[in-house]
Amino acid sequence: MILADTSIWIEMFRRGGFKAQLDSLIANDQLCTHPCVVAELACGTLPDRQNTLKLLDNLIALRTMQLADLRVMIESRGLASKGVGLTDVHLIGSCLASPGTQIWTIDAALGRVSESLSIRASVP
């Protein structure tokens, strides 16, 4: 499974970037989402807002982790001071808890950290 982070969706909504790749992943049931990504997107301006949120809600959603578990992960994986925030840590934790799931991002810090954890997706 591929988890597209907020940066991928914003690029698609603003400029149409990655639309073909997202469409292909959706058609092949390979795209998942995370409640934090959907919530971040809901904070912004979306095209056809209600329908877009409904479509995002219909994607397979990864399980969220408890904050206490995320804190343990931050310490055990050395994620402090790496430039990632709470949402990024949620995505990392959910991918690590769902073997085979990778993060697709254009965010530099999240990309570096997910690469170091071997969970960065390379989507053409």
PDB file of N, CA and C in Angstrom:
ATOM      1  N   MET A   1       0.841  -1.186   0.000  1.00  0.00           N
ATOM      2  CA  MET A   1       0.000   0.000   0.000  1.00  0.00           C
ATOM      3  C   MET A   1       0.881   1.243   0.000  1.00  0.00           C
ATOM      4  N   ILE A   2       0.349   2.294  -0.576  1.00  0.00           N
ATOM      5  CA  ILE A   2       1.037   3.585  -0.628  1.00  0.00           C
ATOM      6  C   ILE A   2       0.187   4.613   0.116  1.00  0.00           C
ATOM      7  N   LEU A   3       0.821   5.310   1.041  1.00  0.00           N
ATOM      8  CA  LEU A   3       0.186   6.405   1.763  1.00  0.00           C
ATOM      9  C   LEU A   3       0.696   7.712   1.173  1.00  0.00           C
ATOM     10  N   ALA A   4      -0.176   8.425   0.475  1.00  0.00           N
ATOM     11  CA  ALA A   4       0.183   9.742  -0.064  1.00  0.00           C
ATOM     12  C   ALA A   4       0.017  10.764   1.051  1.00  0.00           C
ATOM     13  N   ASP A   5       1.091  11.488   1.345  1.00  0.00           N
ATOM     14  CA  ASP A   5       0.989  12.474   2.417  1.00  0.00           C
ATOM     15  C   ASP A   5       0.336  13.756   1.891  1.00  0.00           C
ATOM     16  N   THR A   6       0.150  14.691   2.784  1.00  0.00           N
ATOM     17  CA  THR A   6      -0.542  15.931   2.460  1.00  0.00           C
ATOM     18  C   THR A   6       0.128  16.672   1.306  1.00  0.00           C
ATOM     19  N   SER A   7       1.456  16.646   1.245  1.00  0.00           N
ATOM     20  CA  SER A   7       2.175  17.381   0.189  1.00  0.00           C
ATOM     21  C   SER A   7       1.804  16.884  -1.210  1.00  0.00           C
ATOM     22  N   ILE A   8       1.578  15.600  -1.350  1.00  0.00           N
ATOM     23  CA  ILE A   8       1.193  15.025  -2.649  1.00  0.00           C
ATOM     24  C   ILE A   8      -0.198  15.521  -3.041  1.00  0.00           C
ATOM     25  N   TRP A   9      -1.139  15.452  -2.098  1.00  0.00           N
ATOM     26  CA  TRP A   9      -2.509  15.888  -2.380  1.00  0.00           C
ATOM     27  C   TRP A   9      -2.558  17.385  -2.696  1.00  0.00           C
ATOM     28  N   ILE A  10      -1.825  18.188  -1.958  1.00  0.00           N
ATOM     29  CA  ILE A  10      -1.834  19.632  -2.216  1.00  0.00           C
ATOM     30  C   ILE A  10      -1.305  19.921  -3.614  1.00  0.00           C
ATOM     31  N   GLU A  11      -0.241  19.255  -4.003  1.00  0.00           N
ATOM     32  CA  GLU A  11       0.303  19.435  -5.354  1.00  0.00           C
ATOM     33  C   GLU A  11      -0.737  19.049  -6.404  1.00  0.00           C
ATOM     34  N   MET A  12      -1.469  17.976  -6.147  1.00  0.00           N
ATOM     35  CA  MET A  12      -2.492  17.545  -7.103  1.00  0.00           C
ATOM     36  C   MET A  12      -3.639  18.557  -7.166  1.00  0.00           C
ATOM     37  N   PHE A  13      -4.106  19.025  -6.016  1.00  0.00           N
ATOM     38  CA  PHE A  13      -5.220  19.967  -6.006  1.00  0.00           C
ATOM     39  C   PHE A  13      -4.829  21.323  -6.587  1.00  0.00           C
ATOM     40  N   ARG A  14      -3.624  21.789  -6.337  1.00  0.00           N
ATOM     41  CA  ARG A  14      -3.193  23.117  -6.809  1.00  0.00           C
ATOM     42  C   ARG A  14      -2.817  23.131  -8.283  1.00  0.00           C
ATOM     43  N   ARG A  15      -2.041  22.137  -8.712  1.00  0.00           N
ATOM     44  CA  ARG A  15      -1.482  22.177 -10.065  1.00  0.00           C
ATOM     45  C   ARG A  15      -1.798  20.948 -10.920  1.00  0.00           C
ATOM     46  N   GLY A  16      -2.505  19.988 -10.361  1.00  0.00           N
ATOM     47  CA  GLY A  16      -2.810  18.776 -11.121  1.00  0.00           C
ATOM     48  C   GLY A  16      -1.665  17.782 -11.144  1.00  0.00           C
ATOM     49  N   GLY A  17      -0.588  18.076 -10.404  1.00  0.00           N
ATOM     50  CA  GLY A  17       0.550  17.155 -10.356  1.00  0.00           C
ATOM     51  C   GLY A  17       0.162  15.839  -9.693  1.00  0.00           C
ATOM     52  N   PHE A  18       0.744  14.788 -10.174  1.00  0.00           N
ATOM     53  CA  PHE A  18       0.561  13.445  -9.617  1.00  0.00           C
ATOM     54  C   PHE A  18      -0.835  12.866  -9.833  1.00  0.00           C
ATOM     55  N   LYS A  19      -1.684  13.542 -10.596  1.00  0.00           N
ATOM     56  CA  LYS A  19      -3.054  13.049 -10.788  1.00  0.00           C
ATOM     57  C   LYS A  19      -3.070  11.658 -11.415  1.00  0.00           C
ATOM     58  N   ALA A  20      -2.274  11.460 -12.454  1.00  0.00           N
ATOM     59  CA  ALA A  20      -2.252  10.149 -13.122  1.00  0.00           C
ATOM     60  C   ALA A  20      -1.791   9.054 -12.167  1.00  0.00           C
ATOM     61  N   GLN A  21      -0.764   9.338 -11.370  1.00  0.00           N
ATOM     62  CA  GLN A  21      -0.263   8.345 -10.426  1.00  0.00           C
ATOM     63  C   GLN A  21      -1.300   8.036  -9.343  1.00  0.00           C
ATOM     64  N   LEU A  22      -1.951   9.066  -8.819  1.00  0.00           N
ATOM     65  CA  LEU A  22      -2.984   8.849  -7.803  1.00  0.00           C
ATOM     66  C   LEU A  22      -4.147   8.048  -8.384  1.00  0.00           C
ATOM     67  N   ASP A  23      -4.583   8.412  -9.583  1.00  0.00           N
ATOM     68  CA  ASP A  23      -5.672   7.679 -10.240  1.00  0.00           C
ATOM     69  C   ASP A  23      -5.314   6.202 -10.422  1.00  0.00           C
ATOM     70  N   SER A  24      -4.079   5.939 -10.836  1.00  0.00           N
ATOM     71  CA  SER A  24      -3.643   4.558 -11.043  1.00  0.00           C
ATOM     72  C   SER A  24      -3.614   3.783  -9.728  1.00  0.00           C
ATOM     73  N   LEU A  25      -3.082   4.404  -8.680  1.00  0.00           N
ATOM     74  CA  LEU A  25      -3.036   3.739  -7.376  1.00  0.00           C
ATOM     75  C   LEU A  25      -4.443   3.446  -6.853  1.00  0.00           C
ATOM     76  N   ILE A  26      -5.351   4.396  -7.037  1.00  0.00           N
ATOM     77  CA  ILE A  26      -6.734   4.199  -6.599  1.00  0.00           C
ATOM     78  C   ILE A  26      -7.376   3.064  -7.395  1.00  0.00           C
ATOM     79  N   ALA A  27      -7.196   3.073  -8.707  1.00  0.00           N
ATOM     80  CA  ALA A  27      -7.793   2.047  -9.561  1.00  0.00           C
ATOM     81  C   ALA A  27      -7.299   0.650  -9.210  1.00  0.00           C
ATOM     82  N   ASN A  28      -6.062   0.569  -8.708  1.00  0.00           N
ATOM     83  CA  ASN A  28      -5.477  -0.725  -8.359  1.00  0.00           C
ATOM     84  C   ASN A  28      -5.559  -1.040  -6.870  1.00  0.00           C
ATOM     85  N   ASP A  29      -6.384  -0.285  -6.141  1.00  0.00           N
ATOM     86  CA  ASP A  29      -6.554  -0.481  -4.691  1.00  0.00           C
ATOM     87  C   ASP A  29      -5.220  -0.497  -3.950  1.00  0.00           C
ATOM     88  N   GLN A  30      -4.317   0.398  -4.344  1.00  0.00           N
ATOM     89  CA  GLN A  30      -2.993   0.467  -3.720  1.00  0.00           C
ATOM     90  C   GLN A  30      -2.792   1.746  -2.910  1.00  0.00           C
ATOM     91  N   LEU A  31      -3.777   2.629  -2.903  1.00  0.00           N
ATOM     92  CA  LEU A  31      -3.638   3.897  -2.203  1.00  0.00           C
ATOM     93  C   LEU A  31      -4.419   3.862  -0.895  1.00  0.00           C
ATOM     94  N   CYS A  32      -3.773   4.303   0.155  1.00  0.00           N
ATOM     95  CA  CYS A  32      -4.460   4.421   1.433  1.00  0.00           C
ATOM     96  C   CYS A  32      -4.283   5.846   1.944  1.00  0.00           C
ATOM     97  N   THR A  33      -4.963   6.134   3.018  1.00  0.00           N
ATOM     98  CA  THR A  33      -4.870   7.464   3.603  1.00  0.00           C
ATOM     99  C   THR A  33      -4.721   7.334   5.112  1.00  0.00           C
ATOM    100  N   HIS A  34      -4.692   8.462   5.748  1.00  0.00           N
ATOM    101  CA  HIS A  34      -4.544   8.508   7.200  1.00  0.00           C
ATOM    102  C   HIS A  34      -5.454   9.620   7.697  1.00  0.00           C
ATOM    103  N   PRO A  35      -6.111   9.433   8.830  1.00  0.00           N
ATOM    104  CA  PRO A  35      -7.003  10.480   9.341  1.00  0.00           C
ATOM    105  C   PRO A  35      -6.331  11.845   9.490  1.00  0.00           C
ATOM    106  N   CYS A  36      -5.051  11.865   9.818  1.00  0.00           N
ATOM    107  CA  CYS A  36      -4.348  13.158   9.947  1.00  0.00           C
ATOM    108  C   CYS A  36      -4.196  13.858   8.600  1.00  0.00           C
ATOM    109  N   VAL A  37      -3.970  13.103   7.542  1.00  0.00           N
ATOM    110  CA  VAL A  37      -3.858  13.698   6.204  1.00  0.00           C
ATOM    111  C   VAL A  37      -5.201  14.297   5.800  1.00  0.00           C
ATOM    112  N   VAL A  38      -6.262  13.541   5.987  1.00  0.00           N
ATOM    113  CA  VAL A  38      -7.598  14.032   5.619  1.00  0.00           C
ATOM    114  C   VAL A  38      -7.954  15.264   6.449  1.00  0.00           C
ATOM    115  N   ALA A  39      -7.624  15.247   7.727  1.00  0.00           N
ATOM    116  CA  ALA A  39      -7.910  16.408   8.585  1.00  0.00           C
ATOM    117  C   ALA A  39      -7.104  17.628   8.148  1.00  0.00           C
ATOM    118  N   GLU A  40      -5.835  17.433   7.807  1.00  0.00           N
ATOM    119  CA  GLU A  40      -5.032  18.565   7.317  1.00  0.00           C
ATOM    120  C   GLU A  40      -5.624  19.131   6.035  1.00  0.00           C
ATOM    121  N   LEU A  41      -6.017  18.261   5.128  1.00  0.00           N
ATOM    122  CA  LEU A  41      -6.620  18.728   3.880  1.00  0.00           C
ATOM    123  C   LEU A  41      -7.943  19.447   4.146  1.00  0.00           C
ATOM    124  N   ALA A  42      -8.706  18.956   5.103  1.00  0.00           N
ATOM    125  CA  ALA A  42      -9.988  19.580   5.438  1.00  0.00           C
ATOM    126  C   ALA A  42      -9.808  20.995   5.988  1.00  0.00           C
ATOM    127  N   CYS A  43      -8.636  21.292   6.505  1.00  0.00           N
ATOM    128  CA  CYS A  43      -8.356  22.639   7.019  1.00  0.00           C
ATOM    129  C   CYS A  43      -8.163  23.654   5.904  1.00  0.00           C
ATOM    130  N   GLY A  44      -7.952  23.182   4.694  1.00  0.00           N
ATOM    131  CA  GLY A  44      -7.669  24.085   3.576  1.00  0.00           C
ATOM    132  C   GLY A  44      -8.819  24.196   2.597  1.00  0.00           C
ATOM    133  N   THR A  45      -8.505  24.797   1.477  1.00  0.00           N
ATOM    134  CA  THR A  45      -9.475  24.980   0.395  1.00  0.00           C
ATOM    135  C   THR A  45      -9.388  23.780  -0.533  1.00  0.00           C
ATOM    136  N   LEU A  46     -10.510  23.120  -0.727  1.00  0.00           N
ATOM    137  CA  LEU A  46     -10.553  21.942  -1.579  1.00  0.00           C
ATOM    138  C   LEU A  46     -11.527  22.152  -2.726  1.00  0.00           C
ATOM    139  N   PRO A  47     -11.197  21.621  -3.901  1.00  0.00           N
ATOM    140  CA  PRO A  47     -12.161  21.675  -5.000  1.00  0.00           C
ATOM    141  C   PRO A  47     -13.335  20.749  -4.683  1.00  0.00           C
ATOM    142  N   ASP A  48     -14.543  21.187  -4.990  1.00  0.00           N
ATOM    143  CA  ASP A  48     -15.725  20.368  -4.744  1.00  0.00           C
ATOM    144  C   ASP A  48     -15.620  19.715  -3.363  1.00  0.00           C
ATOM    145  N   ARG A  49     -15.500  20.569  -2.366  1.00  0.00           N
ATOM    146  CA  ARG A  49     -15.133  20.205  -0.999  1.00  0.00           C
ATOM    147  C   ARG A  49     -15.809  18.948  -0.446  1.00  0.00           C
ATOM    148  N   GLN A  50     -17.133  18.921  -0.440  1.00  0.00           N
ATOM    149  CA  GLN A  50     -17.848  17.795   0.172  1.00  0.00           C
ATOM    150  C   GLN A  50     -17.573  16.486  -0.555  1.00  0.00           C
ATOM    151  N   ASN A  51     -17.575  16.531  -1.884  1.00  0.00           N
ATOM    152  CA  ASN A  51     -17.315  15.317  -2.658  1.00  0.00           C
ATOM    153  C   ASN A  51     -15.865  14.863  -2.488  1.00  0.00           C
ATOM    154  N   THR A  52     -14.928  15.809  -2.465  1.00  0.00           N
ATOM    155  CA  THR A  52     -13.513  15.469  -2.289  1.00  0.00           C
ATOM    156  C   THR A  52     -13.285  14.803  -0.937  1.00  0.00           C
ATOM    157  N   LEU A  53     -13.853  15.373   0.117  1.00  0.00           N
ATOM    158  CA  LEU A  53     -13.698  14.775   1.448  1.00  0.00           C
ATOM    159  C   LEU A  53     -14.348  13.386   1.509  1.00  0.00           C
ATOM    160  N   LYS A  54     -15.477  13.239   0.850  1.00  0.00           N
ATOM    161  CA  LYS A  54     -16.141  11.929   0.813  1.00  0.00           C
ATOM    162  C   LYS A  54     -15.256  10.898   0.107  1.00  0.00           C
ATOM    163  N   LEU A  55     -14.641  11.292  -1.003  1.00  0.00           N
ATOM    164  CA  LEU A  55     -13.767  10.374  -1.735  1.00  0.00           C
ATOM    165  C   LEU A  55     -12.542   9.998  -0.892  1.00  0.00           C
ATOM    166  N   LEU A  56     -11.974  10.984  -0.195  1.00  0.00           N
ATOM    167  CA  LEU A  56     -10.833  10.703   0.682  1.00  0.00           C
ATOM    168  C   LEU A  56     -11.239   9.766   1.818  1.00  0.00           C
ATOM    169  N   ASP A  57     -12.423   9.997   2.365  1.00  0.00           N
ATOM    170  CA  ASP A  57     -12.914   9.142   3.451  1.00  0.00           C
ATOM    171  C   ASP A  57     -13.172   7.706   2.994  1.00  0.00           C
ATOM    172  N   ASN A  58     -13.384   7.515   1.696  1.00  0.00           N
ATOM    173  CA  ASN A  58     -13.659   6.174   1.166  1.00  0.00           C
ATOM    174  C   ASN A  58     -12.397   5.358   0.903  1.00  0.00           C
ATOM    175  N   LEU A  59     -11.232   6.000   0.963  1.00  0.00           N
ATOM    176  CA  LEU A  59      -9.986   5.258   0.797  1.00  0.00           C
ATOM    177  C   LEU A  59      -9.714   4.437   2.059  1.00  0.00           C
ATOM    178  N   ILE A  60      -8.944   3.392   1.910  1.00  0.00           N
ATOM    179  CA  ILE A  60      -8.531   2.602   3.072  1.00  0.00           C
ATOM    180  C   ILE A  60      -7.750   3.524   3.997  1.00  0.00           C
ATOM    181  N   ALA A  61      -8.151   3.560   5.258  1.00  0.00           N
ATOM    182  CA  ALA A  61      -7.485   4.424   6.240  1.00  0.00           C
ATOM    183  C   ALA A  61      -6.595   3.594   7.149  1.00  0.00           C
ATOM    184  N   LEU A  62      -5.364   4.053   7.296  1.00  0.00           N
ATOM    185  CA  LEU A  62      -4.462   3.380   8.227  1.00  0.00           C
ATOM    186  C   LEU A  62      -4.903   3.627   9.653  1.00  0.00           C
ATOM    187  N   ARG A  63      -4.566   2.699  10.505  1.00  0.00           N
ATOM    188  CA  ARG A  63      -4.866   2.807  11.929  1.00  0.00           C
ATOM    189  C   ARG A  63      -3.960   3.877  12.535  1.00  0.00           C
ATOM    190  N   THR A  64      -4.522   4.669  13.436  1.00  0.00           N
ATOM    191  CA  THR A  64      -3.724   5.672  14.127  1.00  0.00           C
ATOM    192  C   THR A  64      -3.102   5.050  15.373  1.00  0.00           C
ATOM    193  N   MET A  65      -2.039   5.667  15.824  1.00  0.00           N
ATOM    194  CA  MET A  65      -1.353   5.192  17.019  1.00  0.00           C
ATOM    195  C   MET A  65      -1.627   6.137  18.177  1.00  0.00           C
ATOM    196  N   GLN A  66      -1.530   5.622  19.370  1.00  0.00           N
ATOM    197  CA  GLN A  66      -1.680   6.433  20.570  1.00  0.00           C
ATOM    198  C   GLN A  66      -0.457   7.334  20.723  1.00  0.00           C
ATOM    199  N   LEU A  67      -0.663   8.524  21.302  1.00  0.00           N
ATOM    200  CA  LEU A  67       0.445   9.455  21.481  1.00  0.00           C
ATOM    201  C   LEU A  67       1.565   8.856  22.318  1.00  0.00           C
ATOM    202  N   ALA A  68       1.232   8.089  23.333  1.00  0.00           N
ATOM    203  CA  ALA A  68       2.271   7.461  24.160  1.00  0.00           C
ATOM    204  C   ALA A  68       3.140   6.533  23.317  1.00  0.00           C
ATOM    205  N   ASP A  69       2.528   5.799  22.402  1.00  0.00           N
ATOM    206  CA  ASP A  69       3.287   4.905  21.526  1.00  0.00           C
ATOM    207  C   ASP A  69       4.153   5.701  20.553  1.00  0.00           C
ATOM    208  N   LEU A  70       3.632   6.830  20.086  1.00  0.00           N
ATOM    209  CA  LEU A  70       4.424   7.679  19.204  1.00  0.00           C
ATOM    210  C   LEU A  70       5.639   8.232  19.935  1.00  0.00           C
ATOM    211  N   ARG A  71       5.457   8.616  21.187  1.00  0.00           N
ATOM    212  CA  ARG A  71       6.588   9.121  21.985  1.00  0.00           C
ATOM    213  C   ARG A  71       7.671   8.061  22.110  1.00  0.00           C
ATOM    214  N   VAL A  72       7.273   6.826  22.361  1.00  0.00           N
ATOM    215  CA  VAL A  72       8.241   5.732  22.453  1.00  0.00           C
ATOM    216  C   VAL A  72       8.961   5.574  21.113  1.00  0.00           C
ATOM    217  N   MET A  73       8.208   5.635  20.023  1.00  0.00           N
ATOM    218  CA  MET A  73       8.792   5.489  18.695  1.00  0.00           C
ATOM    219  C   MET A  73       9.775   6.626  18.395  1.00  0.00           C
ATOM    220  N   ILE A  74       9.425   7.842  18.759  1.00  0.00           N
ATOM    221  CA  ILE A  74      10.311   8.988  18.537  1.00  0.00           C
ATOM    222  C   ILE A  74      11.665   8.734  19.204  1.00  0.00           C
ATOM    223  N   GLU A  75      11.636   8.244  20.427  1.00  0.00           N
ATOM    224  CA  GLU A  75      12.879   7.995  21.156  1.00  0.00           C
ATOM    225  C   GLU A  75      13.617   6.775  20.605  1.00  0.00           C
ATOM    226  N   SER A  76      12.909   5.695  20.387  1.00  0.00           N
ATOM    227  CA  SER A  76      13.576   4.454  19.978  1.00  0.00           C
ATOM    228  C   SER A  76      14.112   4.526  18.550  1.00  0.00           C
ATOM    229  N   ARG A  77      13.475   5.319  17.691  1.00  0.00           N
ATOM    230  CA  ARG A  77      13.908   5.438  16.295  1.00  0.00           C
ATOM    231  C   ARG A  77      14.758   6.684  16.046  1.00  0.00           C
ATOM    232  N   GLY A  78      15.007   7.471  17.098  1.00  0.00           N
ATOM    233  CA  GLY A  78      15.832   8.667  16.954  1.00  0.00           C
ATOM    234  C   GLY A  78      15.226   9.717  16.040  1.00  0.00           C
ATOM    235  N   LEU A  79      13.927   9.976  16.187  1.00  0.00           N
ATOM    236  CA  LEU A  79      13.241  10.900  15.291  1.00  0.00           C
ATOM    237  C   LEU A  79      13.229  12.352  15.774  1.00  0.00           C
ATOM    238  N   ALA A  80      13.736  12.600  16.968  1.00  0.00           N
ATOM    239  CA  ALA A  80      13.764  13.973  17.474  1.00  0.00           C
ATOM    240  C   ALA A  80      14.746  14.809  16.652  1.00  0.00           C
ATOM    241  N   SER A  81      14.391  16.062  16.459  1.00  0.00           N
ATOM    242  CA  SER A  81      15.255  17.026  15.750  1.00  0.00           C
ATOM    243  C   SER A  81      15.587  16.609  14.322  1.00  0.00           C
ATOM    244  N   LYS A  82      14.668  15.947  13.670  1.00  0.00           N
ATOM    245  CA  LYS A  82      14.861  15.531  12.278  1.00  0.00           C
ATOM    246  C   LYS A  82      14.024  16.359  11.308  1.00  0.00           C
ATOM    247  N   GLY A  83      13.277  17.334  11.843  1.00  0.00           N
ATOM    248  CA  GLY A  83      12.481  18.190  10.978  1.00  0.00           C
ATOM    249  C   GLY A  83      11.082  17.692  10.691  1.00  0.00           C
ATOM    250  N   VAL A  84      10.688  16.609  11.352  1.00  0.00           N
ATOM    251  CA  VAL A  84       9.331  16.101  11.158  1.00  0.00           C
ATOM    252  C   VAL A  84       8.460  16.529  12.322  1.00  0.00           C
ATOM    253  N   GLY A  85       7.191  16.754  12.047  1.00  0.00           N
ATOM    254  CA  GLY A  85       6.245  17.159  13.068  1.00  0.00           C
ATOM    255  C   GLY A  85       5.335  16.009  13.476  1.00  0.00           C
ATOM    256  N   LEU A  86       4.351  16.355  14.279  1.00  0.00           N
ATOM    257  CA  LEU A  86       3.459  15.336  14.829  1.00  0.00           C
ATOM    258  C   LEU A  86       2.708  14.571  13.744  1.00  0.00           C
ATOM    259  N   THR A  87       2.184  15.259  12.748  1.00  0.00           N
ATOM    260  CA  THR A  87       1.466  14.547  11.684  1.00  0.00           C
ATOM    261  C   THR A  87       2.407  13.587  10.974  1.00  0.00           C
ATOM    262  N   ASP A  88       3.625  14.038  10.669  1.00  0.00           N
ATOM    263  CA  ASP A  88       4.596  13.157  10.015  1.00  0.00           C
ATOM    264  C   ASP A  88       4.883  11.925  10.868  1.00  0.00           C
ATOM    265  N   VAL A  89       5.037  12.120  12.169  1.00  0.00           N
ATOM    266  CA  VAL A  89       5.306  11.007  13.073  1.00  0.00           C
ATOM    267  C   VAL A  89       4.117  10.046  13.094  1.00  0.00           C
ATOM    268  N   HIS A  90       2.908  10.583  13.040  1.00  0.00           N
ATOM    269  CA  HIS A  90       1.721   9.715  12.951  1.00  0.00           C
ATOM    270  C   HIS A  90       1.796   8.855  11.692  1.00  0.00           C
ATOM    271  N   LEU A  91       2.133   9.463  10.567  1.00  0.00           N
ATOM    272  CA  LEU A  91       2.193   8.717   9.303  1.00  0.00           C
ATOM    273  C   LEU A  91       3.278   7.650   9.358  1.00  0.00           C
ATOM    274  N   ILE A  92       4.438   8.018   9.878  1.00  0.00           N
ATOM    275  CA  ILE A  92       5.540   7.066  10.012  1.00  0.00           C
ATOM    276  C   ILE A  92       5.109   5.888  10.889  1.00  0.00           C
ATOM    277  N   GLY A  93       4.536   6.190  12.041  1.00  0.00           N
ATOM    278  CA  GLY A  93       4.112   5.140  12.961  1.00  0.00           C
ATOM    279  C   GLY A  93       3.088   4.207  12.342  1.00  0.00           C
ATOM    280  N   SER A  94       2.117   4.774  11.644  1.00  0.00           N
ATOM    281  CA  SER A  94       1.085   3.940  11.021  1.00  0.00           C
ATOM    282  C   SER A  94       1.661   3.069   9.920  1.00  0.00           C
ATOM    283  N   CYS A  95       2.621   3.592   9.166  1.00  0.00           N
ATOM    284  CA  CYS A  95       3.250   2.775   8.126  1.00  0.00           C
ATOM    285  C   CYS A  95       4.089   1.662   8.732  1.00  0.00           C
ATOM    286  N   LEU A  96       4.837   1.974   9.780  1.00  0.00           N
ATOM    287  CA  LEU A  96       5.635   0.939  10.440  1.00  0.00           C
ATOM    288  C   LEU A  96       4.748  -0.136  11.062  1.00  0.00           C
ATOM    289  N   ALA A  97       3.554   0.251  11.513  1.00  0.00           N
ATOM    290  CA  ALA A  97       2.620  -0.708  12.121  1.00  0.00           C
ATOM    291  C   ALA A  97       1.840  -1.499  11.065  1.00  0.00           C
ATOM    292  N   SER A  98       1.960  -1.098   9.802  1.00  0.00           N
ATOM    293  CA  SER A  98       1.278  -1.779   8.695  1.00  0.00           C
ATOM    294  C   SER A  98       2.333  -2.238   7.694  1.00  0.00           C
ATOM    295  N   PRO A  99       2.977  -3.362   7.956  1.00  0.00           N
ATOM    296  CA  PRO A  99       4.075  -3.811   7.091  1.00  0.00           C
ATOM    297  C   PRO A  99       3.714  -3.788   5.611  1.00  0.00           C
ATOM    298  N   GLY A 100       4.647  -3.291   4.822  1.00  0.00           N
ATOM    299  CA  GLY A 100       4.437  -3.192   3.385  1.00  0.00           C
ATOM    300  C   GLY A 100       3.874  -1.858   2.948  1.00  0.00           C
ATOM    301  N   THR A 101       3.492  -1.019   3.891  1.00  0.00           N
ATOM    302  CA  THR A 101       2.943   0.294   3.558  1.00  0.00           C
ATOM    303  C   THR A 101       4.080   1.307   3.527  1.00  0.00           C
ATOM    304  N   GLN A 102       4.094   2.120   2.474  1.00  0.00           N
ATOM    305  CA  GLN A 102       5.149   3.110   2.292  1.00  0.00           C
ATOM    306  C   GLN A 102       4.553   4.502   2.139  1.00  0.00           C
ATOM    307  N   ILE A 103       5.353   5.506   2.504  1.00  0.00           N
ATOM    308  CA  ILE A 103       4.936   6.902   2.419  1.00  0.00           C
ATOM    309  C   ILE A 103       5.423   7.513   1.114  1.00  0.00           C
ATOM    310  N   TRP A 104       4.512   8.158   0.420  1.00  0.00           N
ATOM    311  CA  TRP A 104       4.833   8.911  -0.794  1.00  0.00           C
ATOM    312  C   TRP A 104       4.769  10.378  -0.415  1.00  0.00           C
ATOM    313  N   THR A 105       5.878  11.073  -0.538  1.00  0.00           N
ATOM    314  CA  THR A 105       5.946  12.467  -0.128  1.00  0.00           C
ATOM    315  C   THR A 105       6.897  13.259  -1.003  1.00  0.00           C
ATOM    316  N   ILE A 106       6.668  14.564  -1.065  1.00  0.00           N
ATOM    317  CA  ILE A 106       7.653  15.468  -1.656  1.00  0.00           C
ATOM    318  C   ILE A 106       8.194  16.405  -0.586  1.00  0.00           C
ATOM    319  N   ASP A 107       7.820  16.167   0.660  1.00  0.00           N
ATOM    320  CA  ASP A 107       8.341  16.920   1.799  1.00  0.00           C
ATOM    321  C   ASP A 107       9.756  16.416   2.084  1.00  0.00           C
ATOM    322  N   ALA A 108      10.714  17.332   2.106  1.00  0.00           N
ATOM    323  CA  ALA A 108      12.125  16.942   2.238  1.00  0.00           C
ATOM    324  C   ALA A 108      12.406  16.199   3.542  1.00  0.00           C
ATOM    325  N   ALA A 109      11.985  16.750   4.662  1.00  0.00           N
ATOM    326  CA  ALA A 109      12.287  16.122   5.954  1.00  0.00           C
ATOM    327  C   ALA A 109      11.600  14.769   6.087  1.00  0.00           C
ATOM    328  N   LEU A 110      10.325  14.706   5.764  1.00  0.00           N
ATOM    329  CA  LEU A 110       9.613  13.433   5.842  1.00  0.00           C
ATOM    330  C   LEU A 110      10.231  12.425   4.873  1.00  0.00           C
ATOM    331  N   GLY A 111      10.640  12.892   3.719  1.00  0.00           N
ATOM    332  CA  GLY A 111      11.289  12.012   2.749  1.00  0.00           C
ATOM    333  C   GLY A 111      12.576  11.417   3.288  1.00  0.00           C
ATOM    334  N   ARG A 112      13.415  12.260   3.909  1.00  0.00           N
ATOM    335  CA  ARG A 112      14.674  11.765   4.482  1.00  0.00           C
ATOM    336  C   ARG A 112      14.420  10.735   5.582  1.00  0.00           C
ATOM    337  N   VAL A 113      13.491  11.052   6.487  1.00  0.00           N
ATOM    338  CA  VAL A 113      13.228  10.152   7.604  1.00  0.00           C
ATOM    339  C   VAL A 113      12.601   8.854   7.109  1.00  0.00           C
ATOM    340  N   SER A 114      11.631   8.941   6.219  1.00  0.00           N
ATOM    341  CA  SER A 114      10.997   7.713   5.726  1.00  0.00           C
ATOM    342  C   SER A 114      11.992   6.869   4.923  1.00  0.00           C
ATOM    343  N   GLU A 115      12.892   7.516   4.207  1.00  0.00           N
ATOM    344  CA  GLU A 115      13.953   6.789   3.489  1.00  0.00           C
ATOM    345  C   GLU A 115      14.857   6.050   4.479  1.00  0.00           C
ATOM    346  N   SER A 116      15.215   6.718   5.561  1.00  0.00           N
ATOM    347  CA  SER A 116      16.105   6.092   6.551  1.00  0.00           C
ATOM    348  C   SER A 116      15.442   4.897   7.238  1.00  0.00           C
ATOM    349  N   LEU A 117      14.117   4.881   7.255  1.00  0.00           N
ATOM    350  CA  LEU A 117      13.365   3.786   7.864  1.00  0.00           C
ATOM    351  C   LEU A 117      12.913   2.747   6.837  1.00  0.00           C
ATOM    352  N   SER A 118      13.320   2.940   5.595  1.00  0.00           N
ATOM    353  CA  SER A 118      12.965   2.029   4.485  1.00  0.00           C
ATOM    354  C   SER A 118      11.468   1.952   4.246  1.00  0.00           C
ATOM    355  N   ILE A 119      10.777   3.099   4.429  1.00  0.00           N
ATOM    356  CA  ILE A 119       9.331   3.111   4.163  1.00  0.00           C
ATOM    357  C   ILE A 119       8.969   4.214   3.164  1.00  0.00           C
ATOM    358  N   ARG A 120       9.948   4.731   2.423  1.00  0.00           N
ATOM    359  CA  ARG A 120       9.647   5.764   1.430  1.00  0.00           C
ATOM    360  C   ARG A 120       9.283   5.110   0.113  1.00  0.00           C
ATOM    361  N   ALA A 121       8.149   5.522  -0.418  1.00  0.00           N
ATOM    362  CA  ALA A 121       7.695   5.007  -1.699  1.00  0.00           C
ATOM    363  C   ALA A 121       8.343   5.779  -2.831  1.00  0.00           C
ATOM    364  N   SER A 122       8.610   5.098  -3.907  1.00  0.00           N
ATOM    365  CA  SER A 122       9.061   5.771  -5.117  1.00  0.00           C
ATOM    366  C   SER A 122       7.976   5.528  -6.176  1.00  0.00           C
ATOM    367  N   VAL A 123       7.161   6.536  -6.353  1.00  0.00           N
ATOM    368  CA  VAL A 123       6.062   6.435  -7.307  1.00  0.00           C
ATOM    369  C   VAL A 123       6.450   7.233  -8.547  1.00  0.00           C
ATOM    370  N   PRO A 124       6.499   6.573  -9.696  1.00  0.00           N
ATOM    371  CA  PRO A 124       6.909   7.279 -10.921  1.00  0.00           C
ATOM    372  C   PRO A 124       5.915   8.334 -11.348  1.00  0.00           C
TER     373      PRO A 124
END
